[in-house]
Amino acid sequence: MNPFHRQPANDSPDLIDEYRHPERGLHRFFRHTHAAMQRRFVDLAEVEAMPRAFLHGNPHLANYAKTTRGAAMVDFDRARFGPFGYDVSRFLVSVSCRRADESDGRLLHPAVLDSFRRGYLLGVSAPGLGWEEMRDLRKKQPKRWQQDLVRYLEKGRQWGGRLAQHAIDPRQPRLQALLESYLESRGELELASVYSIASAAEVPGSLGKLHTLLLLEPNRDDIDPRLVDVKEVYDEPDDAYFMNPFGHNGQRMVEAGELHAPGWEQNPGWATYDGVEYWVREIPTQNEKLKRRLTTVQQIDVCFAVASQLGRAHTLSMPLDAKAHLGCFEALYDHLIEVAAQLRAEVGAAHLSYLDRSRLKKKASRKQSPHSEAPPPVH
């Protein structure tokens, strides 16, 4: 059976519609293959030959974002130590699922694959230079309503809108405990007497994890308000190839952020309440993402940028020196492309099968609908 097989009968109508979307459906389906893709990668790849690095863990185009602090591959829910090639292959599959020019049947154009290679080599060779940014996102300037938190909340868009739509009582003791735990993780516990929780909300995440939003209002003019996102973490078990050495999953995510995109997150930290672990960040008022399929030129650009970021982070977290890492990457890159091509083919086939079965489910639902035409009365 295809390792990415999924049954529409187990999914909500909204999720089925997302998978059926003509622009984003395939990539959405791909995003939800994380655990299965890790297992399949281990089956296909020469993992024993790959040095371990602190992986991003889930580098895909929906996690590439631009704020006032620049453009970067972020969102470190799945960051763990593992074979460096997993980040490489997963990202190549992501780009392939969002390419506008997919009629040729290839994973990606050779120029795109070469651009990733050159970007990765740059990141490994010169980690002190930071990382490159995709031009299409780098040049986006914040709109007027994205320039400060007051305007952002007044606009009612994005997280500002969710804060109002999913409002809860901000006086709950649990929320104050979360705030104090977060501030303590940052060495800012003294701010617990400065900030009050003016508003709060509970927002379901795209993959089922709950987001608790806290609008923090200071009682001093020299301290800015914060809109923070307190997010439930993933706690994935270690195995022979992927592991988490940190005692707290929120700390794992903060450390991954500081390695892969230092300074990008605003006031990151972690919290614990009633035995549940959380990662916390201040929500940026500007957050731009790639919304459409990518042209070949855009693929070349984003592959160079993301590869420079991954190469830099991998080499800084490996026990190898840069020269040894370069040699390992060069020796394995063609193999990682082949693995990515196989993963892409299997994901694509599973998605097509899912679409066929979802059509049958929808047709059956219409037949069983109570609103369908009733039979004529019997006289």
Foldseek 3Di string as FASTA:
>chain_A
DQLLFDACVVDDPVLLVCLVDPWRNLLVSLQVCQVSLVVVCVVQAPFVLFFKFFALSAFAQVQWKQFPLGTFRADSLGTWIFGLLVNVLNHLLRLQSQAPPPPVVASAPPLLLVLLLVLLLLLLVCVVVPFDHQPVRRPDDDDPLQPDDVSLLVVLDDVSVQQVVFWDDQPDPQNLQQVQQFCVQVVRNVCSVFWGFPTWGWDQDPVGKIWIWTFIDGPDPVDDIFTKTWIFGDDDDDDPGTDHPDPASLVSSVVLCCLLPNPPFASWGKGDDPRTITTMTTDRSDIDGDDGRDYSVSSSRVSSRHSSSSSNSRCVGGPDHSVVNSVSCVVCVVSSSVSSSVVSVSSVVSSVVNSVSVVVVVVVCVVVDPPPDDDDDDD
